[in-house]
Amino acid sequence: MATTAEHLAPPPGVDLVWYGRVAELAEEALAHRHLLDAEESSRLDAFLRPKDRHAYAVAHVALRRLLGTHLGIAPAAVAMERRPCSRCGGPHGRPAVPGDRVHFSLSHTSRTTDGRVLIALARTAVGVDVEVVPGEQTVAEVSRQLHPHERTELDALHPADRPLAFARCWTRKESVLKATGAGLGEGVSGIHVGAGPVPQRRPMGAELPCALTDLPAGPGYAAAVAVLGTPARTPGPSPDLDGD
């Protein structure tokens, strides 16, 4: 991986994927916090832990710069709004650019001092997620929330191999839920994305069709991106674990 930030090869339907290391980008991001709007600045100041504040600053300064370049305007001039919540209709849904001139998604992790930031831009709704590979105890507790087929996949693995498989599965789910606008509040057990080395080409149970791809995230991390639309066909049938 790059020492600071890099553009990963985007899958079909995605225009850009940006991946950065918080520890090496935080100082520069905080020096450019003037690019953030009032709401973003307020949220930045509310973080008590430096690693959380740094991850937020890197993510949102980078997002504004990427959107500004894409739209041909200054980063500070990029307008963003909140879509209605898919559950209650309140004004706290996913962020968006007015008029959908570009769709975006961002994710950052600050569970360690060496956090990561992942951002994607696309022409249709997109979702990304990056996670630290958890410990075996976390996997044992949280894996109960997964789809039954995914729990079976994890149970079949050696205990030492389960954390990475779980992290792959979780990032896939989060990216699909972000792309479809459902969010984790809709639950993760009904969507089957797979915990193996290759994700389900067509995530089962998602509200809308989307294409799902794993992304390289480096040792100790897992990442994925999902974009709305029908996945391109690949040779051979897609496994139909749900029997429909």
C-alpha atoms as a PDB file:
ATOM      1  CA  MET A   1       0.000   0.000   0.000  1.00  0.00           C
ATOM      2  CA  ALA A   2       1.058   3.595  -0.437  1.00  0.00           C
ATOM      3  CA  THR A   3       2.652   5.300   2.548  1.00  0.00           C
ATOM      4  CA  THR A   4       0.038   8.070   2.647  1.00  0.00           C
ATOM      5  CA  ALA A   5      -2.835   7.806   0.167  1.00  0.00           C
ATOM      6  CA  GLU A   6      -3.513   6.233  -3.186  1.00  0.00           C
ATOM      7  CA  HIS A   7      -6.151   5.781  -5.842  1.00  0.00           C
ATOM      8  CA  LEU A   8      -7.184   2.135  -6.038  1.00  0.00           C
ATOM      9  CA  ALA A   9      -8.338   0.588  -9.301  1.00  0.00           C
ATOM     10  CA  PRO A  10     -12.110   1.238  -9.375  1.00  0.00           C
ATOM     11  CA  PRO A  11     -14.460  -1.618 -10.314  1.00  0.00           C
ATOM     12  CA  PRO A  12     -17.014  -1.146 -13.135  1.00  0.00           C
ATOM     13  CA  GLY A  13     -19.548   1.572 -12.324  1.00  0.00           C
ATOM     14  CA  VAL A  14     -17.245   3.370  -9.864  1.00  0.00           C
ATOM     15  CA  ASP A  15     -15.330   6.446 -10.998  1.00  0.00           C
ATOM     16  CA  LEU A  16     -12.770   6.742  -8.212  1.00  0.00           C
ATOM     17  CA  VAL A  17     -11.605   4.910  -5.076  1.00  0.00           C
ATOM     18  CA  TRP A  18      -9.287   6.756  -2.672  1.00  0.00           C
ATOM     19  CA  TYR A  19      -7.553   5.059   0.257  1.00  0.00           C
ATOM     20  CA  GLY A  20      -5.423   6.768   2.908  1.00  0.00           C
ATOM     21  CA  ARG A  21      -3.624   6.221   6.212  1.00  0.00           C
ATOM     22  CA  VAL A  22      -4.827   8.529   8.980  1.00  0.00           C
ATOM     23  CA  ALA A  23      -1.572   8.759  10.917  1.00  0.00           C
ATOM     24  CA  GLU A  24       0.316  10.116   7.914  1.00  0.00           C
ATOM     25  CA  LEU A  25      -2.401  12.495   6.702  1.00  0.00           C
ATOM     26  CA  ALA A  26      -3.840  13.911   9.947  1.00  0.00           C
ATOM     27  CA  GLU A  27      -1.538  16.892  10.386  1.00  0.00           C
ATOM     28  CA  GLU A  28      -2.075  18.133   6.850  1.00  0.00           C
ATOM     29  CA  ALA A  29      -5.836  17.558   7.067  1.00  0.00           C
ATOM     30  CA  LEU A  30      -6.158  19.518  10.319  1.00  0.00           C
ATOM     31  CA  ALA A  31      -4.189  22.356   8.761  1.00  0.00           C
ATOM     32  CA  HIS A  32      -6.904  22.532   6.086  1.00  0.00           C
ATOM     33  CA  ARG A  33      -9.951  22.227   8.317  1.00  0.00           C
ATOM     34  CA  HIS A  34     -11.078  25.597   6.938  1.00  0.00           C
ATOM     35  CA  LEU A  35     -12.344  23.623   3.941  1.00  0.00           C
ATOM     36  CA  LEU A  36     -15.063  22.073   6.126  1.00  0.00           C
ATOM     37  CA  ASP A  37     -18.498  23.625   6.565  1.00  0.00           C
ATOM     38  CA  ALA A  38     -19.959  24.671   9.920  1.00  0.00           C
ATOM     39  CA  GLU A  39     -21.594  21.300  10.636  1.00  0.00           C
ATOM     40  CA  GLU A  40     -18.446  19.374   9.816  1.00  0.00           C
ATOM     41  CA  SER A  41     -16.322  21.702  11.953  1.00  0.00           C
ATOM     42  CA  SER A  42     -18.697  21.295  14.869  1.00  0.00           C
ATOM     43  CA  ARG A  43     -18.571  17.514  14.615  1.00  0.00           C
ATOM     44  CA  LEU A  44     -14.782  17.601  14.364  1.00  0.00           C
ATOM     45  CA  ASP A  45     -14.519  19.642  17.565  1.00  0.00           C
ATOM     46  CA  ALA A  46     -16.869  17.278  19.403  1.00  0.00           C
ATOM     47  CA  PHE A  47     -14.486  14.305  19.243  1.00  0.00           C
ATOM     48  CA  LEU A  48     -12.707  13.720  22.537  1.00  0.00           C
ATOM     49  CA  ARG A  49     -10.108  11.214  21.359  1.00  0.00           C
ATOM     50  CA  PRO A  50      -7.389  12.515  19.008  1.00  0.00           C
ATOM     51  CA  LYS A  51      -7.488   9.371  16.841  1.00  0.00           C
ATOM     52  CA  ASP A  52     -11.228   9.877  16.212  1.00  0.00           C
ATOM     53  CA  ARG A  53     -10.735  13.555  15.447  1.00  0.00           C
ATOM     54  CA  HIS A  54      -7.859  12.802  13.101  1.00  0.00           C
ATOM     55  CA  ALA A  55      -9.790  10.124  11.194  1.00  0.00           C
ATOM     56  CA  TYR A  56     -12.755  12.462  10.736  1.00  0.00           C
ATOM     57  CA  ALA A  57     -10.548  15.326   9.548  1.00  0.00           C
ATOM     58  CA  VAL A  58      -8.687  13.186   7.028  1.00  0.00           C
ATOM     59  CA  ALA A  59     -11.917  11.681   5.691  1.00  0.00           C
ATOM     60  CA  HIS A  60     -13.863  14.899   5.261  1.00  0.00           C
ATOM     61  CA  VAL A  61     -11.048  17.121   4.008  1.00  0.00           C
ATOM     62  CA  ALA A  62     -10.140  14.453   1.440  1.00  0.00           C
ATOM     63  CA  LEU A  63     -13.792  14.051   0.447  1.00  0.00           C
ATOM     64  CA  ARG A  64     -14.202  17.777  -0.178  1.00  0.00           C
ATOM     65  CA  ARG A  65     -11.046  17.894  -2.249  1.00  0.00           C
ATOM     66  CA  LEU A  66     -12.089  14.887  -4.344  1.00  0.00           C
ATOM     67  CA  LEU A  67     -15.598  16.248  -4.882  1.00  0.00           C
ATOM     68  CA  GLY A  68     -14.247  19.693  -5.707  1.00  0.00           C
ATOM     69  CA  THR A  69     -11.932  18.273  -8.362  1.00  0.00           C
ATOM     70  CA  HIS A  70     -14.725  16.134  -9.806  1.00  0.00           C
ATOM     71  CA  LEU A  71     -17.197  19.033  -9.920  1.00  0.00           C
ATOM     72  CA  GLY A  72     -14.666  21.678 -10.975  1.00  0.00           C
ATOM     73  CA  ILE A  73     -15.240  23.915  -7.942  1.00  0.00           C
ATOM     74  CA  ALA A  74     -13.335  24.861  -4.795  1.00  0.00           C
ATOM     75  CA  PRO A  75     -13.480  22.195  -2.040  1.00  0.00           C
ATOM     76  CA  ALA A  76     -15.019  24.624   0.447  1.00  0.00           C
ATOM     77  CA  ALA A  77     -17.770  25.480  -2.052  1.00  0.00           C
ATOM     78  CA  VAL A  78     -19.031  21.895  -2.334  1.00  0.00           C
ATOM     79  CA  ALA A  79     -22.608  21.775  -1.047  1.00  0.00           C
ATOM     80  CA  MET A  80     -23.893  18.660   0.678  1.00  0.00           C
ATOM     81  CA  GLU A  81     -27.259  17.677   2.053  1.00  0.00           C
ATOM     82  CA  ARG A  82     -28.820  14.839   4.024  1.00  0.00           C
ATOM     83  CA  ARG A  83     -31.311  12.549   2.346  1.00  0.00           C
ATOM     84  CA  PRO A  84     -34.429  11.491   4.293  1.00  0.00           C
ATOM     85  CA  CYS A  85     -33.853   8.528   6.564  1.00  0.00           C
ATOM     86  CA  SER A  86     -35.041   5.305   4.932  1.00  0.00           C
ATOM     87  CA  ARG A  87     -36.627   4.208   8.210  1.00  0.00           C
ATOM     88  CA  CYS A  88     -38.317   7.305   9.646  1.00  0.00           C
ATOM     89  CA  GLY A  89     -38.098   9.939   6.902  1.00  0.00           C
ATOM     90  CA  GLY A  90     -36.127  12.291   9.154  1.00  0.00           C
ATOM     91  CA  PRO A  91     -33.399  14.592   7.777  1.00  0.00           C
ATOM     92  CA  HIS A  92     -30.522  12.368   8.882  1.00  0.00           C
ATOM     93  CA  GLY A  93     -30.137   9.938   5.990  1.00  0.00           C
ATOM     94  CA  ARG A  94     -27.027   9.478   3.926  1.00  0.00           C
ATOM     95  CA  PRO A  95     -25.160  12.595   2.735  1.00  0.00           C
ATOM     96  CA  ALA A  96     -25.436  13.583  -0.912  1.00  0.00           C
ATOM     97  CA  VAL A  97     -24.530  16.293  -3.407  1.00  0.00           C
ATOM     98  CA  PRO A  98     -27.655  18.249  -4.414  1.00  0.00           C
ATOM     99  CA  GLY A  99     -28.901  17.199  -7.823  1.00  0.00           C
ATOM    100  CA  ASP A 100     -26.890  13.950  -7.683  1.00  0.00           C
ATOM    101  CA  ARG A 101     -24.158  15.382  -9.906  1.00  0.00           C
ATOM    102  CA  VAL A 102     -21.952  12.748  -8.299  1.00  0.00           C
ATOM    103  CA  HIS A 103     -22.600  10.036  -5.722  1.00  0.00           C
ATOM    104  CA  PHE A 104     -20.114   9.348  -2.955  1.00  0.00           C
ATOM    105  CA  SER A 105     -19.475   7.208   0.090  1.00  0.00           C
ATOM    106  CA  LEU A 106     -16.819   7.364   2.759  1.00  0.00           C
ATOM    107  CA  SER A 107     -15.693   5.148   5.595  1.00  0.00           C
ATOM    108  CA  HIS A 108     -13.005   5.509   8.207  1.00  0.00           C
ATOM    109  CA  THR A 109     -11.765   3.422  11.084  1.00  0.00           C
ATOM    110  CA  SER A 110     -10.083   4.759  14.202  1.00  0.00           C
ATOM    111  CA  ARG A 111     -10.123   1.622  16.332  1.00  0.00           C
ATOM    112  CA  THR A 112      -6.319   1.681  16.233  1.00  0.00           C
ATOM    113  CA  THR A 113      -3.808   4.525  16.128  1.00  0.00           C
ATOM    114  CA  ASP A 114      -3.122   3.533  12.507  1.00  0.00           C
ATOM    115  CA  GLY A 115      -6.590   4.168  11.089  1.00  0.00           C
ATOM    116  CA  ARG A 116      -7.681   4.112   7.465  1.00  0.00           C
ATOM    117  CA  VAL A 117      -9.993   6.215   5.263  1.00  0.00           C
ATOM    118  CA  LEU A 118     -11.814   4.946   2.163  1.00  0.00           C
ATOM    119  CA  ILE A 119     -13.772   7.135  -0.282  1.00  0.00           C
ATOM    120  CA  ALA A 120     -15.564   6.289  -3.534  1.00  0.00           C
ATOM    121  CA  LEU A 121     -17.207   8.464  -6.201  1.00  0.00           C
ATOM    122  CA  ALA A 122     -19.641   7.041  -8.746  1.00  0.00           C
ATOM    123  CA  ARG A 123     -22.422   7.934 -11.177  1.00  0.00           C
ATOM    124  CA  THR A 124     -24.992   5.958  -9.176  1.00  0.00           C
ATOM    125  CA  ALA A 125     -25.423   5.292  -5.470  1.00  0.00           C
ATOM    126  CA  VAL A 126     -22.291   3.746  -3.987  1.00  0.00           C
ATOM    127  CA  GLY A 127     -21.211   2.391  -0.618  1.00  0.00           C
ATOM    128  CA  VAL A 128     -17.793   1.665   0.856  1.00  0.00           C
ATOM    129  CA  ASP A 129     -16.561   0.273   4.145  1.00  0.00           C
ATOM    130  CA  VAL A 130     -13.159  -0.369   5.709  1.00  0.00           C
ATOM    131  CA  GLU A 131     -12.698  -2.222   8.981  1.00  0.00           C
ATOM    132  CA  VAL A 132      -9.927  -3.438  11.255  1.00  0.00           C
ATOM    133  CA  VAL A 133      -9.756  -7.228  11.382  1.00  0.00           C
ATOM    134  CA  PRO A 134     -11.211  -7.951  14.852  1.00  0.00           C
ATOM    135  CA  GLY A 135     -10.144 -10.396  17.521  1.00  0.00           C
ATOM    136  CA  GLU A 136     -11.576 -13.886  17.844  1.00  0.00           C
ATOM    137  CA  GLN A 137     -13.786 -12.904  20.804  1.00  0.00           C
ATOM    138  CA  THR A 138     -15.435 -10.094  18.810  1.00  0.00           C
ATOM    139  CA  VAL A 139     -16.023 -12.480  15.926  1.00  0.00           C
ATOM    140  CA  ALA A 140     -17.648 -15.027  18.227  1.00  0.00           C
ATOM    141  CA  GLU A 141     -20.025 -12.392  19.627  1.00  0.00           C
ATOM    142  CA  VAL A 142     -20.935 -10.405  16.514  1.00  0.00           C
ATOM    143  CA  SER A 143     -21.072 -13.241  13.992  1.00  0.00           C
ATOM    144  CA  ARG A 144     -24.481 -14.199  15.435  1.00  0.00           C
ATOM    145  CA  GLN A 145     -25.855 -11.220  13.490  1.00  0.00           C
ATOM    146  CA  LEU A 146     -24.764 -12.610  10.117  1.00  0.00           C
ATOM    147  CA  HIS A 147     -26.802 -14.509   7.549  1.00  0.00           C
ATOM    148  CA  PRO A 148     -27.150 -18.224   8.462  1.00  0.00           C
ATOM    149  CA  HIS A 149     -25.085 -19.286   5.437  1.00  0.00           C
ATOM    150  CA  GLU A 150     -22.306 -16.897   6.464  1.00  0.00           C
ATOM    151  CA  ARG A 151     -22.291 -18.269   9.999  1.00  0.00           C
ATOM    152  CA  THR A 152     -21.922 -21.740   8.505  1.00  0.00           C
ATOM    153  CA  GLU A 153     -18.994 -20.544   6.383  1.00  0.00           C
ATOM    154  CA  LEU A 154     -17.247 -19.098   9.436  1.00  0.00           C
ATOM    155  CA  ASP A 155     -17.880 -22.174  11.566  1.00  0.00           C
ATOM    156  CA  ALA A 156     -16.193 -24.324   8.922  1.00  0.00           C
ATOM    157  CA  LEU A 157     -12.954 -22.350   9.187  1.00  0.00           C
ATOM    158  CA  HIS A 158     -10.069 -22.787  11.602  1.00  0.00           C
ATOM    159  CA  PRO A 159     -10.548 -20.291  14.481  1.00  0.00           C
ATOM    160  CA  ALA A 160      -7.434 -18.382  13.432  1.00  0.00           C
ATOM    161  CA  ASP A 161      -8.896 -17.793   9.959  1.00  0.00           C
ATOM    162  CA  ARG A 162     -12.275 -16.522  11.117  1.00  0.00           C
ATOM    163  CA  PRO A 163     -11.358 -12.883  11.972  1.00  0.00           C
ATOM    164  CA  LEU A 164     -10.302 -12.011   8.418  1.00  0.00           C
ATOM    165  CA  ALA A 165     -13.266 -13.867   6.923  1.00  0.00           C
ATOM    166  CA  PHE A 166     -15.616 -12.057   9.292  1.00  0.00           C
ATOM    167  CA  ALA A 167     -14.083  -8.667   8.446  1.00  0.00           C
ATOM    168  CA  ARG A 168     -14.495  -9.372   4.718  1.00  0.00           C
ATOM    169  CA  CYS A 169     -18.125 -10.298   5.279  1.00  0.00           C
ATOM    170  CA  TRP A 170     -18.888  -7.266   7.447  1.00  0.00           C
ATOM    171  CA  THR A 171     -17.366  -4.711   5.071  1.00  0.00           C
ATOM    172  CA  ARG A 172     -19.312  -6.261   2.200  1.00  0.00           C
ATOM    173  CA  LYS A 173     -22.558  -5.947   4.139  1.00  0.00           C
ATOM    174  CA  GLU A 174     -21.936  -2.362   5.169  1.00  0.00           C
ATOM    175  CA  SER A 175     -21.049  -1.309   1.635  1.00  0.00           C
ATOM    176  CA  VAL A 176     -24.236  -2.913   0.253  1.00  0.00           C
ATOM    177  CA  LEU A 177     -26.400  -1.309   2.945  1.00  0.00           C
ATOM    178  CA  LYS A 178     -24.847   2.092   2.239  1.00  0.00           C
ATOM    179  CA  ALA A 179     -25.315   1.758  -1.521  1.00  0.00           C
ATOM    180  CA  THR A 180     -28.972   0.763  -1.172  1.00  0.00           C
ATOM    181  CA  GLY A 181     -29.616   3.383   1.521  1.00  0.00           C
ATOM    182  CA  ALA A 182     -30.886   0.822   4.014  1.00  0.00           C
ATOM    183  CA  GLY A 183     -28.265   1.281   6.711  1.00  0.00           C
ATOM    184  CA  LEU A 184     -27.406  -1.066   9.555  1.00  0.00           C
ATOM    185  CA  GLY A 185     -30.715  -0.249  11.218  1.00  0.00           C
ATOM    186  CA  GLU A 186     -32.350  -2.561   8.682  1.00  0.00           C
ATOM    187  CA  GLY A 187     -30.315  -5.472  10.045  1.00  0.00           C
ATOM    188  CA  VAL A 188     -27.515  -7.479   8.497  1.00  0.00           C
ATOM    189  CA  SER A 189     -28.783 -11.037   8.851  1.00  0.00           C
ATOM    190  CA  GLY A 190     -31.100 -10.862   5.824  1.00  0.00           C
ATOM    191  CA  ILE A 191     -28.368 -10.023   3.314  1.00  0.00           C
ATOM    192  CA  HIS A 192     -26.008 -12.730   2.090  1.00  0.00           C
ATOM    193  CA  VAL A 193     -22.680 -11.467   0.763  1.00  0.00           C
ATOM    194  CA  GLY A 194     -20.443 -14.400   1.689  1.00  0.00           C
ATOM    195  CA  ALA A 195     -17.481 -14.720   4.030  1.00  0.00           C
ATOM    196  CA  GLY A 196     -15.172 -16.512   1.580  1.00  0.00           C
ATOM    197  CA  PRO A 197     -12.326 -15.079  -0.498  1.00  0.00           C
ATOM    198  CA  VAL A 198     -14.758 -13.957  -3.232  1.00  0.00           C
ATOM    199  CA  PRO A 199     -17.979 -12.064  -2.422  1.00  0.00           C
ATOM    200  CA  GLN A 200     -21.411 -12.969  -3.770  1.00  0.00           C
ATOM    201  CA  ARG A 201     -21.602 -11.472  -7.258  1.00  0.00           C
ATOM    202  CA  ARG A 202     -25.249 -10.653  -6.579  1.00  0.00           C
ATOM    203  CA  PRO A 203     -25.790  -9.941  -2.860  1.00  0.00           C
ATOM    204  CA  MET A 204     -28.932 -11.810  -1.830  1.00  0.00           C
ATOM    205  CA  GLY A 205     -31.572 -10.023   0.186  1.00  0.00           C
ATOM    206  CA  ALA A 206     -30.499  -6.482  -0.748  1.00  0.00           C
ATOM    207  CA  GLU A 207     -33.337  -4.036  -1.415  1.00  0.00           C
ATOM    208  CA  LEU A 208     -31.865  -3.044  -4.791  1.00  0.00           C
ATOM    209  CA  PRO A 209     -29.519  -4.831  -7.217  1.00  0.00           C
ATOM    210  CA  CYS A 210     -25.882  -3.896  -6.800  1.00  0.00           C
ATOM    211  CA  ALA A 211     -22.391  -5.031  -7.745  1.00  0.00           C
ATOM    212  CA  LEU A 212     -20.055  -5.903  -4.882  1.00  0.00           C
ATOM    213  CA  THR A 213     -16.248  -5.919  -4.956  1.00  0.00           C
ATOM    214  CA  ASP A 214     -13.545  -6.449  -2.331  1.00  0.00           C
ATOM    215  CA  LEU A 215     -10.777  -3.832  -2.199  1.00  0.00           C
ATOM    216  CA  PRO A 216      -7.118  -4.219  -1.168  1.00  0.00           C
ATOM    217  CA  ALA A 217      -6.740  -2.740   2.302  1.00  0.00           C
ATOM    218  CA  GLY A 218      -3.408  -4.049   3.546  1.00  0.00           C
ATOM    219  CA  PRO A 219      -2.597  -6.396   6.463  1.00  0.00           C
ATOM    220  CA  GLY A 220      -4.998  -6.131   9.375  1.00  0.00           C
ATOM    221  CA  TYR A 221      -7.807  -4.468   7.400  1.00  0.00           C
ATOM    222  CA  ALA A 222     -10.635  -5.418   5.064  1.00  0.00           C
ATOM    223  CA  ALA A 223     -12.545  -3.201   2.621  1.00  0.00           C
ATOM    224  CA  ALA A 224     -15.308  -3.407   0.036  1.00  0.00           C
ATOM    225  CA  VAL A 225     -17.314  -1.255  -2.376  1.00  0.00           C
ATOM    226  CA  ALA A 226     -20.849  -1.745  -3.703  1.00  0.00           C
ATOM    227  CA  VAL A 227     -22.473   0.238  -6.515  1.00  0.00           C
ATOM    228  CA  LEU A 228     -26.096   0.146  -7.593  1.00  0.00           C
ATOM    229  CA  GLY A 229     -26.791  -1.669 -10.820  1.00  0.00           C
ATOM    230  CA  THR A 230     -26.829  -5.203 -12.167  1.00  0.00           C
ATOM    231  CA  PRO A 231     -23.392  -6.871 -11.886  1.00  0.00           C
ATOM    232  CA  ALA A 232     -21.687  -7.776 -15.130  1.00  0.00           C
ATOM    233  CA  ARG A 233     -22.099 -11.452 -15.956  1.00  0.00           C
ATOM    234  CA  THR A 234     -19.183 -13.756 -15.332  1.00  0.00           C
ATOM    235  CA  PRO A 235     -18.706 -17.297 -16.633  1.00  0.00           C
ATOM    236  CA  GLY A 236     -20.535 -19.966 -14.683  1.00  0.00           C
ATOM    237  CA  PRO A 237     -23.660 -19.776 -12.546  1.00  0.00           C
ATOM    238  CA  SER A 238     -23.829 -17.723  -9.390  1.00  0.00           C
ATOM    239  CA  PRO A 239     -24.488 -19.946  -6.359  1.00  0.00           C
ATOM    240  CA  ASP A 240     -28.099 -19.750  -5.244  1.00  0.00           C
ATOM    241  CA  LEU A 241     -27.860 -20.542  -1.544  1.00  0.00           C
ATOM    242  CA  ASP A 242     -31.339 -19.277  -0.814  1.00  0.00           C
ATOM    243  CA  GLY A 243     -32.947 -21.606  -3.324  1.00  0.00           C
ATOM    244  CA  ASP A 244     -34.733 -18.925  -5.325  1.00  0.00           C
END
